[in-house]
N, C-alpha and C. Protein backbone atom coordinates (compact mmCIF):
# COMPACT_ATOMS: atom_id res chain seq x y z
N UNK A 1 -28.23 14.45 15.53
CA UNK A 1 -27.41 14.02 14.43
C UNK A 1 -26.79 12.67 14.79
N UNK A 2 -26.82 11.74 13.88
CA UNK A 2 -26.30 10.42 14.17
C UNK A 2 -24.88 10.27 13.66
N UNK A 3 -24.18 9.33 14.22
CA UNK A 3 -22.80 9.06 13.84
C UNK A 3 -22.77 8.26 12.55
N UNK A 4 -21.82 8.56 11.67
CA UNK A 4 -21.69 7.83 10.41
C UNK A 4 -21.19 6.42 10.68
N UNK A 5 -21.69 5.47 9.93
CA UNK A 5 -21.25 4.09 10.07
C UNK A 5 -19.87 3.92 9.47
N UNK A 6 -19.18 2.90 9.89
CA UNK A 6 -17.89 2.58 9.29
C UNK A 6 -16.73 3.40 9.84
N UNK A 7 -16.86 3.92 11.06
CA UNK A 7 -15.78 4.70 11.65
C UNK A 7 -14.57 3.84 11.94
N UNK A 8 -13.45 4.49 12.14
CA UNK A 8 -12.22 3.77 12.44
C UNK A 8 -12.25 3.24 13.87
N UNK A 9 -11.72 2.06 14.03
CA UNK A 9 -11.57 1.49 15.35
C UNK A 9 -10.08 1.27 15.56
N UNK A 10 -9.62 1.55 16.76
CA UNK A 10 -8.21 1.41 17.06
C UNK A 10 -8.00 0.30 18.09
N UNK A 11 -6.95 -0.47 17.88
CA UNK A 11 -6.60 -1.51 18.84
C UNK A 11 -5.65 -0.92 19.88
N UNK A 12 -5.78 -1.38 21.09
CA UNK A 12 -4.88 -0.95 22.15
C UNK A 12 -3.52 -1.59 21.90
N UNK A 13 -2.46 -0.81 21.97
CA UNK A 13 -1.13 -1.33 21.70
C UNK A 13 -0.51 -1.98 22.92
N UNK A 14 -1.07 -1.69 24.10
CA UNK A 14 -0.51 -2.25 25.30
C UNK A 14 0.62 -1.44 25.90
N UNK A 15 1.10 -0.43 25.17
CA UNK A 15 2.17 0.40 25.72
C UNK A 15 1.59 1.60 26.44
N UNK A 16 2.35 2.13 27.36
CA UNK A 16 1.92 3.28 28.14
C UNK A 16 2.00 4.54 27.28
N UNK A 17 0.97 5.41 27.32
CA UNK A 17 1.00 6.65 26.55
C UNK A 17 2.21 7.49 26.92
N UNK A 18 2.84 8.11 25.91
CA UNK A 18 4.04 8.92 26.14
C UNK A 18 3.72 10.35 26.55
N UNK A 19 2.54 10.83 26.25
CA UNK A 19 2.19 12.21 26.60
C UNK A 19 0.72 12.26 27.01
N UNK A 20 0.30 13.36 27.67
CA UNK A 20 -1.11 13.48 28.08
C UNK A 20 -2.09 13.42 26.91
N UNK A 21 -1.69 13.91 25.74
CA UNK A 21 -2.61 13.88 24.60
C UNK A 21 -2.83 12.45 24.11
N UNK A 22 -1.87 11.57 24.35
CA UNK A 22 -2.03 10.18 23.92
C UNK A 22 -2.88 9.37 24.89
N UNK A 23 -3.17 9.91 26.06
CA UNK A 23 -3.97 9.19 27.04
C UNK A 23 -5.45 9.16 26.68
N UNK A 24 -5.89 10.04 25.81
CA UNK A 24 -7.31 10.12 25.45
C UNK A 24 -7.71 8.93 24.60
N UNK A 25 -8.72 8.25 25.02
CA UNK A 25 -9.41 7.14 24.35
C UNK A 25 -8.79 6.64 23.05
N UNK A 26 -7.60 6.10 23.08
CA UNK A 26 -7.00 5.45 21.93
C UNK A 26 -6.73 6.34 20.75
N UNK A 27 -6.41 7.59 20.97
CA UNK A 27 -6.22 8.53 19.87
C UNK A 27 -4.91 8.39 19.13
N UNK A 28 -3.87 7.92 19.72
CA UNK A 28 -2.58 7.92 19.06
C UNK A 28 -1.94 9.29 19.15
N UNK A 29 -0.89 9.51 18.39
CA UNK A 29 -0.16 10.77 18.47
C UNK A 29 -0.70 11.83 17.55
N UNK A 30 -0.07 13.01 17.58
CA UNK A 30 -0.52 14.13 16.75
C UNK A 30 -0.43 13.84 15.25
N UNK A 31 0.58 13.09 14.83
CA UNK A 31 0.70 12.77 13.40
C UNK A 31 -0.50 11.94 12.92
N UNK A 32 -0.88 10.96 13.72
CA UNK A 32 -2.02 10.13 13.36
C UNK A 32 -3.31 10.95 13.36
N UNK A 33 -3.44 11.85 14.33
CA UNK A 33 -4.63 12.70 14.40
C UNK A 33 -4.75 13.59 13.17
N UNK A 34 -3.64 14.22 12.77
CA UNK A 34 -3.67 15.11 11.61
C UNK A 34 -3.98 14.32 10.34
N UNK A 35 -3.41 13.14 10.20
CA UNK A 35 -3.70 12.31 9.02
C UNK A 35 -5.17 11.92 8.97
N UNK A 36 -5.73 11.55 10.12
CA UNK A 36 -7.14 11.18 10.19
C UNK A 36 -8.03 12.38 9.85
N UNK A 37 -7.69 13.53 10.38
CA UNK A 37 -8.47 14.75 10.11
C UNK A 37 -8.43 15.08 8.62
N UNK A 38 -7.25 15.04 8.01
CA UNK A 38 -7.12 15.35 6.58
C UNK A 38 -7.98 14.41 5.74
N UNK A 39 -7.94 13.14 6.06
CA UNK A 39 -8.71 12.13 5.32
C UNK A 39 -10.22 12.34 5.50
N UNK A 40 -10.63 12.57 6.72
CA UNK A 40 -12.05 12.73 7.03
C UNK A 40 -12.62 14.01 6.43
N UNK A 41 -11.87 15.10 6.54
CA UNK A 41 -12.33 16.38 5.99
C UNK A 41 -12.44 16.30 4.47
N UNK A 42 -11.53 15.57 3.83
CA UNK A 42 -11.60 15.41 2.36
C UNK A 42 -12.94 14.77 1.97
N UNK A 43 -13.38 13.79 2.74
CA UNK A 43 -14.67 13.15 2.48
C UNK A 43 -15.82 14.13 2.71
N UNK A 44 -15.71 14.95 3.74
CA UNK A 44 -16.75 15.94 4.03
C UNK A 44 -16.81 17.02 2.94
N UNK A 45 -15.66 17.39 2.39
CA UNK A 45 -15.64 18.37 1.28
C UNK A 45 -16.44 17.82 0.11
N UNK A 46 -16.19 16.56 -0.24
CA UNK A 46 -16.92 15.94 -1.35
C UNK A 46 -18.42 15.93 -1.09
N UNK A 47 -18.80 15.61 0.13
CA UNK A 47 -20.22 15.58 0.49
C UNK A 47 -20.84 16.97 0.36
N UNK A 48 -20.16 17.98 0.88
CA UNK A 48 -20.67 19.36 0.79
C UNK A 48 -20.78 19.80 -0.66
N UNK A 49 -19.78 19.46 -1.47
CA UNK A 49 -19.82 19.83 -2.89
C UNK A 49 -20.97 19.14 -3.61
N UNK A 50 -21.18 17.87 -3.30
CA UNK A 50 -22.25 17.10 -3.94
C UNK A 50 -23.61 17.74 -3.68
N UNK A 51 -23.76 18.34 -2.52
CA UNK A 51 -25.04 18.95 -2.16
C UNK A 51 -25.04 20.46 -2.35
N UNK A 52 -24.04 20.94 -3.06
CA UNK A 52 -23.92 22.37 -3.42
C UNK A 52 -23.96 23.29 -2.20
N UNK A 53 -23.25 22.90 -1.18
CA UNK A 53 -23.12 23.72 0.04
C UNK A 53 -21.80 24.48 -0.09
N UNK A 54 -21.83 25.56 -0.87
CA UNK A 54 -20.60 26.24 -1.27
C UNK A 54 -19.77 26.77 -0.11
N UNK A 55 -20.40 27.47 0.82
CA UNK A 55 -19.64 28.06 1.94
C UNK A 55 -19.06 26.95 2.81
N UNK A 56 -19.87 25.97 3.12
CA UNK A 56 -19.40 24.86 3.94
C UNK A 56 -18.28 24.11 3.23
N UNK A 57 -18.44 23.90 1.95
CA UNK A 57 -17.40 23.24 1.15
C UNK A 57 -16.10 24.02 1.20
N UNK A 58 -16.20 25.34 1.08
CA UNK A 58 -15.02 26.20 1.11
C UNK A 58 -14.32 26.12 2.48
N UNK A 59 -15.09 26.22 3.55
CA UNK A 59 -14.51 26.16 4.89
C UNK A 59 -13.87 24.80 5.17
N UNK A 60 -14.53 23.74 4.77
CA UNK A 60 -13.96 22.41 4.95
C UNK A 60 -12.70 22.24 4.11
N UNK A 61 -12.71 22.81 2.92
CA UNK A 61 -11.52 22.78 2.06
C UNK A 61 -10.33 23.47 2.72
N UNK A 62 -10.61 24.58 3.40
CA UNK A 62 -9.54 25.28 4.13
C UNK A 62 -9.00 24.41 5.26
N UNK A 63 -9.88 23.71 5.96
CA UNK A 63 -9.45 22.81 7.03
C UNK A 63 -8.61 21.66 6.45
N UNK A 64 -9.00 21.17 5.30
CA UNK A 64 -8.24 20.11 4.64
C UNK A 64 -6.85 20.60 4.27
N UNK A 65 -6.76 21.80 3.69
CA UNK A 65 -5.46 22.36 3.34
C UNK A 65 -4.57 22.52 4.57
N UNK A 66 -5.15 23.00 5.65
CA UNK A 66 -4.39 23.17 6.90
C UNK A 66 -3.86 21.84 7.40
N UNK A 67 -4.69 20.82 7.41
CA UNK A 67 -4.26 19.50 7.89
C UNK A 67 -3.17 18.93 6.99
N UNK A 68 -3.33 19.07 5.68
CA UNK A 68 -2.32 18.55 4.75
C UNK A 68 -0.99 19.31 4.90
N UNK A 69 -1.07 20.61 5.13
CA UNK A 69 0.14 21.40 5.35
C UNK A 69 0.85 20.95 6.63
N UNK A 70 0.08 20.68 7.67
CA UNK A 70 0.67 20.17 8.92
C UNK A 70 1.37 18.84 8.68
N UNK A 71 0.75 17.97 7.87
CA UNK A 71 1.38 16.68 7.56
C UNK A 71 2.71 16.89 6.85
N UNK A 72 2.72 17.80 5.88
CA UNK A 72 3.96 18.08 5.13
C UNK A 72 5.05 18.64 6.03
N UNK A 73 4.69 19.62 6.87
CA UNK A 73 5.72 20.24 7.71
C UNK A 73 6.22 19.28 8.78
N UNK A 74 5.35 18.42 9.31
CA UNK A 74 5.80 17.46 10.32
C UNK A 74 6.73 16.43 9.69
N UNK A 75 6.44 16.00 8.47
CA UNK A 75 7.30 15.01 7.83
C UNK A 75 8.66 15.63 7.47
N UNK A 76 8.69 16.91 7.13
CA UNK A 76 9.97 17.58 6.86
C UNK A 76 10.81 17.66 8.12
N UNK A 77 10.17 17.95 9.26
CA UNK A 77 10.90 18.05 10.53
C UNK A 77 11.47 16.69 10.94
N UNK A 78 10.77 15.63 10.63
CA UNK A 78 11.25 14.29 10.98
C UNK A 78 12.47 13.90 10.14
N UNK A 79 12.55 14.42 8.91
CA UNK A 79 13.68 14.08 8.05
C UNK A 79 14.96 14.77 8.51
N UNK A 80 14.85 15.92 9.18
CA UNK A 80 16.07 16.63 9.59
C UNK A 80 16.60 16.21 10.92
């Protein structure tokens, strides 16, 4: 399976990673990861639906809902 063209590229910020999860190949923090996952899975849902892959579309939709819920709950925690 080949990698899709047009993937995101991240610039190095020059700052030292604050946690072990941030040390991995330019990933950024958990908030950025969840946002990227939500966006990417949304595109995969559309692709699965276009090709009438019902079960795959459903499972990807569940992953999208989970990622979006994580985004909502993390933003609520930041406000308090």
